[in-house]
N, C-alpha and C. Protein backbone atom coordinates (compact mmCIF):
# COMPACT_ATOMS: atom_id res chain seq x y z
N GLN A 1 105.18 90.30 88.25
CA GLN A 1 104.67 91.20 89.26
C GLN A 1 103.82 92.29 88.63
N ARG A 2 102.96 92.85 89.44
CA ARG A 2 102.03 93.89 89.00
C ARG A 2 102.72 95.25 88.99
N TYR A 3 102.43 96.06 87.98
CA TYR A 3 102.95 97.42 87.89
C TYR A 3 102.24 98.29 88.92
N ASP A 4 103.00 99.03 89.71
CA ASP A 4 102.44 99.89 90.75
C ASP A 4 102.82 101.33 90.45
N PRO A 5 101.90 102.12 89.87
CA PRO A 5 102.22 103.50 89.51
C PRO A 5 102.62 104.37 90.70
N GLY A 6 102.04 104.12 91.88
CA GLY A 6 102.39 104.91 93.06
C GLY A 6 103.83 104.67 93.48
N ALA A 7 104.22 103.41 93.51
CA ALA A 7 105.60 103.06 93.89
C ALA A 7 106.59 103.58 92.85
N THR A 8 106.22 103.49 91.58
CA THR A 8 107.08 103.99 90.51
C THR A 8 107.26 105.50 90.63
N ARG A 9 106.18 106.20 90.91
CA ARG A 9 106.25 107.66 91.06
C ARG A 9 107.10 108.03 92.27
N LEU A 10 106.94 107.31 93.38
CA LEU A 10 107.75 107.58 94.57
C LEU A 10 109.23 107.34 94.28
N LEU A 11 109.54 106.28 93.56
CA LEU A 11 110.93 106.00 93.21
C LEU A 11 111.51 107.13 92.37
N LYS A 12 110.75 107.63 91.41
CA LYS A 12 111.22 108.76 90.58
C LYS A 12 111.47 110.00 91.42
N ILE A 13 110.58 110.26 92.37
CA ILE A 13 110.73 111.41 93.26
C ILE A 13 112.00 111.26 94.09
N ILE A 14 112.19 110.09 94.68
CA ILE A 14 113.36 109.86 95.53
C ILE A 14 114.65 109.98 94.72
N ILE A 15 114.67 109.42 93.52
CA ILE A 15 115.87 109.51 92.68
C ILE A 15 116.16 110.95 92.29
N SER A 16 115.16 111.67 91.83
CA SER A 16 115.40 113.05 91.38
C SER A 16 115.78 113.97 92.53
N GLU A 17 115.10 113.84 93.67
CA GLU A 17 115.44 114.68 94.83
C GLU A 17 116.84 114.34 95.35
N SER A 18 117.19 113.06 95.35
CA SER A 18 118.52 112.65 95.80
C SER A 18 119.61 113.15 94.87
N ALA A 19 119.37 113.04 93.57
CA ALA A 19 120.36 113.51 92.60
C ALA A 19 120.58 115.02 92.72
N TYR A 20 119.49 115.77 92.89
CA TYR A 20 119.62 117.22 93.04
C TYR A 20 120.38 117.56 94.32
N LEU A 21 120.09 116.84 95.40
CA LEU A 21 120.78 117.08 96.67
C LEU A 21 122.27 116.77 96.53
N ILE A 22 122.60 115.68 95.88
CA ILE A 22 124.01 115.33 95.66
C ILE A 22 124.71 116.45 94.89
N TRP A 23 124.05 116.96 93.87
CA TRP A 23 124.63 118.03 93.05
C TRP A 23 124.85 119.29 93.89
N THR A 24 123.84 119.68 94.71
CA THR A 24 124.00 120.89 95.51
C THR A 24 125.07 120.73 96.58
N LEU A 25 125.13 119.55 97.19
CA LEU A 25 126.17 119.31 98.20
C LEU A 25 127.56 119.33 97.56
N ARG A 26 127.66 118.77 96.38
CA ARG A 26 128.94 118.79 95.67
C ARG A 26 129.35 120.22 95.33
N CYS A 27 128.40 121.03 94.87
CA CYS A 27 128.70 122.43 94.56
C CYS A 27 129.18 123.17 95.82
N GLU A 28 128.51 122.93 96.95
CA GLU A 28 128.93 123.58 98.20
C GLU A 28 130.34 123.14 98.58
N ARG A 29 130.65 121.88 98.36
CA ARG A 29 131.98 121.37 98.70
C ARG A 29 133.05 121.94 97.77
N ILE A 30 132.78 121.98 96.48
CA ILE A 30 133.76 122.45 95.50
C ILE A 30 133.93 123.97 95.56
N ILE A 31 132.82 124.69 95.59
CA ILE A 31 132.87 126.16 95.53
C ILE A 31 133.22 126.78 96.87
N ARG A 32 132.56 126.32 97.94
CA ARG A 32 132.76 126.93 99.26
C ARG A 32 133.73 126.17 100.15
N GLY A 33 134.08 124.96 99.75
CA GLY A 33 134.97 124.16 100.56
C GLY A 33 134.30 123.58 101.80
N LYS A 34 132.96 123.52 101.80
CA LYS A 34 132.21 123.02 102.96
C LYS A 34 132.26 121.50 102.99
N ILE A 35 132.56 120.99 104.14
CA ILE A 35 132.54 119.55 104.37
C ILE A 35 131.25 119.22 105.12
N HIS A 36 130.46 118.31 104.59
CA HIS A 36 129.17 117.95 105.20
C HIS A 36 129.32 116.68 106.03
N THR A 37 128.73 116.73 107.21
CA THR A 37 128.72 115.53 108.05
C THR A 37 127.59 114.61 107.58
N GLU A 38 127.65 113.37 107.99
CA GLU A 38 126.60 112.42 107.65
C GLU A 38 125.25 112.90 108.19
N LYS A 39 125.27 113.44 109.40
CA LYS A 39 124.04 113.94 110.02
C LYS A 39 123.43 115.08 109.20
N GLU A 40 124.26 115.99 108.70
CA GLU A 40 123.77 117.09 107.86
C GLU A 40 123.15 116.56 106.57
N VAL A 41 123.80 115.60 105.94
CA VAL A 41 123.31 115.05 104.68
C VAL A 41 121.97 114.36 104.89
N VAL A 42 121.85 113.57 105.93
CA VAL A 42 120.58 112.90 106.22
C VAL A 42 119.49 113.93 106.50
N SER A 43 119.81 114.96 107.28
CA SER A 43 118.85 116.01 107.58
C SER A 43 118.38 116.74 106.32
N LYS A 44 119.32 117.08 105.45
CA LYS A 44 118.96 117.77 104.21
C LYS A 44 118.13 116.89 103.30
N TRP A 45 118.43 115.58 103.28
CA TRP A 45 117.66 114.66 102.44
C TRP A 45 116.23 114.55 102.97
N LEU A 46 116.07 114.42 104.29
CA LEU A 46 114.73 114.34 104.87
C LEU A 46 113.95 115.63 104.63
N GLN A 47 114.63 116.77 104.70
CA GLN A 47 113.97 118.06 104.40
C GLN A 47 113.48 118.08 102.96
N ALA A 48 114.29 117.60 102.04
CA ALA A 48 113.92 117.60 100.62
C ALA A 48 112.71 116.70 100.38
N ILE A 49 112.70 115.51 100.97
CA ILE A 49 111.59 114.59 100.78
C ILE A 49 110.33 115.13 101.46
N ASN A 50 110.46 115.69 102.65
CA ASN A 50 109.31 116.28 103.33
C ASN A 50 108.76 117.48 102.56
N ARG A 51 109.65 118.28 101.97
CA ARG A 51 109.20 119.41 101.16
C ARG A 51 108.38 118.91 99.96
N ARG A 52 108.86 117.85 99.33
CA ARG A 52 108.16 117.30 98.17
C ARG A 52 106.81 116.71 98.58
N LEU A 53 106.77 116.05 99.73
CA LEU A 53 105.51 115.52 100.25
C LEU A 53 104.53 116.66 100.50
N SER A 54 104.99 117.73 101.12
CA SER A 54 104.13 118.89 101.38
C SER A 54 103.62 119.52 100.10
N GLU A 55 104.49 119.63 99.10
CA GLU A 55 104.08 120.19 97.81
C GLU A 55 103.01 119.32 97.16
N ASP A 56 103.20 118.01 97.20
CA ASP A 56 102.21 117.09 96.63
C ASP A 56 100.87 117.22 97.35
N LYS A 57 100.91 117.24 98.68
CA LYS A 57 99.68 117.36 99.46
C LYS A 57 98.95 118.66 99.13
N THR A 58 99.70 119.76 99.07
CA THR A 58 99.09 121.06 98.79
C THR A 58 98.50 121.09 97.39
N THR A 59 99.23 120.59 96.43
CA THR A 59 98.74 120.57 95.06
C THR A 59 97.47 119.73 94.94
N ALA A 60 97.45 118.60 95.60
CA ALA A 60 96.30 117.70 95.51
C ALA A 60 95.07 118.25 96.22
N THR A 61 95.26 118.84 97.40
CA THR A 61 94.11 119.21 98.22
C THR A 61 93.69 120.67 98.11
N LYS A 62 94.61 121.55 97.71
CA LYS A 62 94.27 122.98 97.68
C LYS A 62 94.28 123.58 96.27
N VAL A 63 95.17 123.11 95.42
CA VAL A 63 95.30 123.72 94.09
C VAL A 63 94.41 123.01 93.08
N LEU A 64 94.66 121.74 92.85
CA LEU A 64 93.90 121.00 91.83
C LEU A 64 92.56 120.50 92.35
N ARG A 65 92.56 119.95 93.54
CA ARG A 65 91.35 119.41 94.17
C ARG A 65 90.59 118.45 93.26
N LYS A 66 91.32 117.66 92.53
CA LYS A 66 90.69 116.67 91.66
C LYS A 66 90.92 115.29 92.26
N LYS A 67 89.89 114.49 92.29
CA LYS A 67 89.97 113.15 92.89
C LYS A 67 91.09 112.33 92.25
N TYR A 68 91.26 112.47 90.94
CA TYR A 68 92.31 111.72 90.24
C TYR A 68 93.69 112.04 90.81
N TYR A 69 93.99 113.31 90.98
CA TYR A 69 95.31 113.69 91.49
C TYR A 69 95.45 113.33 92.98
N ILE A 70 94.39 113.47 93.73
CA ILE A 70 94.43 113.08 95.14
C ILE A 70 94.76 111.59 95.25
N ASN A 71 94.16 110.77 94.38
CA ASN A 71 94.45 109.34 94.38
C ASN A 71 95.90 109.05 94.01
N ILE A 72 96.45 109.80 93.05
CA ILE A 72 97.85 109.61 92.65
C ILE A 72 98.76 109.91 93.84
N VAL A 73 98.52 111.03 94.50
CA VAL A 73 99.35 111.42 95.65
C VAL A 73 99.19 110.40 96.78
N ASP A 74 97.98 109.97 97.03
CA ASP A 74 97.74 108.98 98.07
C ASP A 74 98.47 107.67 97.75
N ASN A 75 98.37 107.22 96.50
CA ASN A 75 99.05 105.98 96.10
C ASN A 75 100.57 106.12 96.16
N THR A 76 101.07 107.31 95.95
CA THR A 76 102.51 107.53 95.99
C THR A 76 103.05 107.47 97.41
N TRP A 77 102.41 108.14 98.34
CA TRP A 77 102.99 108.35 99.66
C TRP A 77 102.43 107.47 100.77
N SER A 78 101.19 107.02 100.68
CA SER A 78 100.54 106.40 101.85
C SER A 78 101.26 105.16 102.36
N ARG A 79 101.69 104.26 101.49
CA ARG A 79 102.36 103.05 101.98
C ARG A 79 103.70 103.36 102.62
N ALA A 80 104.44 104.30 102.03
CA ALA A 80 105.73 104.68 102.62
C ALA A 80 105.54 105.33 103.98
N LEU A 81 104.53 106.17 104.11
CA LEU A 81 104.25 106.81 105.39
C LEU A 81 103.71 105.81 106.40
N TYR A 82 102.90 104.89 105.93
CA TYR A 82 102.32 103.90 106.84
C TYR A 82 103.41 103.03 107.47
N LYS A 83 104.44 102.71 106.70
CA LYS A 83 105.52 101.90 107.25
C LYS A 83 106.22 102.63 108.38
N ARG A 84 106.27 103.95 108.30
CA ARG A 84 106.93 104.73 109.33
C ARG A 84 105.98 105.15 110.44
N HIS A 85 104.73 105.42 110.08
CA HIS A 85 103.71 105.89 111.03
C HIS A 85 102.50 104.96 110.94
N CYS A 86 102.49 103.93 111.72
CA CYS A 86 101.43 102.93 111.63
C CYS A 86 100.05 103.50 111.96
N ASP A 87 100.02 104.63 112.63
CA ASP A 87 98.75 105.24 112.99
C ASP A 87 98.36 106.35 112.02
N LEU A 88 98.73 106.21 110.76
CA LEU A 88 98.42 107.21 109.74
C LEU A 88 96.91 107.41 109.64
N PRO A 89 96.43 108.64 109.87
CA PRO A 89 94.98 108.87 109.83
C PRO A 89 94.44 108.80 108.41
N ARG A 90 93.15 108.54 108.29
CA ARG A 90 92.51 108.42 106.97
C ARG A 90 92.68 109.71 106.16
N ASN A 91 92.52 110.84 106.77
CA ASN A 91 92.59 112.13 106.05
C ASN A 91 93.96 112.78 106.21
N TRP A 92 95.03 111.99 106.14
CA TRP A 92 96.38 112.50 106.37
C TRP A 92 96.75 113.60 105.38
N MET A 93 96.19 113.57 104.19
CA MET A 93 96.55 114.57 103.18
C MET A 93 96.01 115.95 103.51
N ASN A 94 94.94 116.03 104.25
CA ASN A 94 94.33 117.31 104.59
C ASN A 94 94.93 117.94 105.84
N ARG A 95 95.83 117.26 106.48
CA ARG A 95 96.46 117.80 107.70
C ARG A 95 97.69 118.60 107.33
N ASN A 96 98.01 119.57 108.16
CA ASN A 96 99.17 120.43 107.92
C ASN A 96 100.47 119.84 108.47
N VAL A 97 100.42 118.63 108.94
CA VAL A 97 101.59 118.01 109.54
C VAL A 97 102.48 117.41 108.45
N VAL A 98 103.77 117.65 108.58
CA VAL A 98 104.73 117.00 107.71
C VAL A 98 105.31 115.84 108.51
N PHE A 99 105.41 114.70 107.89
CA PHE A 99 105.82 113.48 108.60
C PHE A 99 107.30 113.31 108.64
C-alpha cells in the first residue's frame, strides 16, 4: 500500500488528543471523584478534535499562509471531513465554521 502522510498525521493527532483526554479525565476522577458519563466523554473528545482542526486551519490560513502547510492541513483533514460532510466546500479551510 501507498504511504499517506495526511492519514498518518491525522492518526497521530487522534492518538495524542485521545491520550491527553484520557489522562485529564482520569485526573478528574482520581482527584475530584468526578464520574464521567459516556455522553460527556464523547462530547469532550469531539471538542478536542474540533479545537485541533480549528488550530490547524488558523495556522495554515492566517499565521503561516504557506501553500505547503495549507496542503498538509488539507491532506490531513479533508477526507475525514468529507466522509462526514459530503457537501464540503472547496474553500473549507478559509471558513470560520468548525465541523
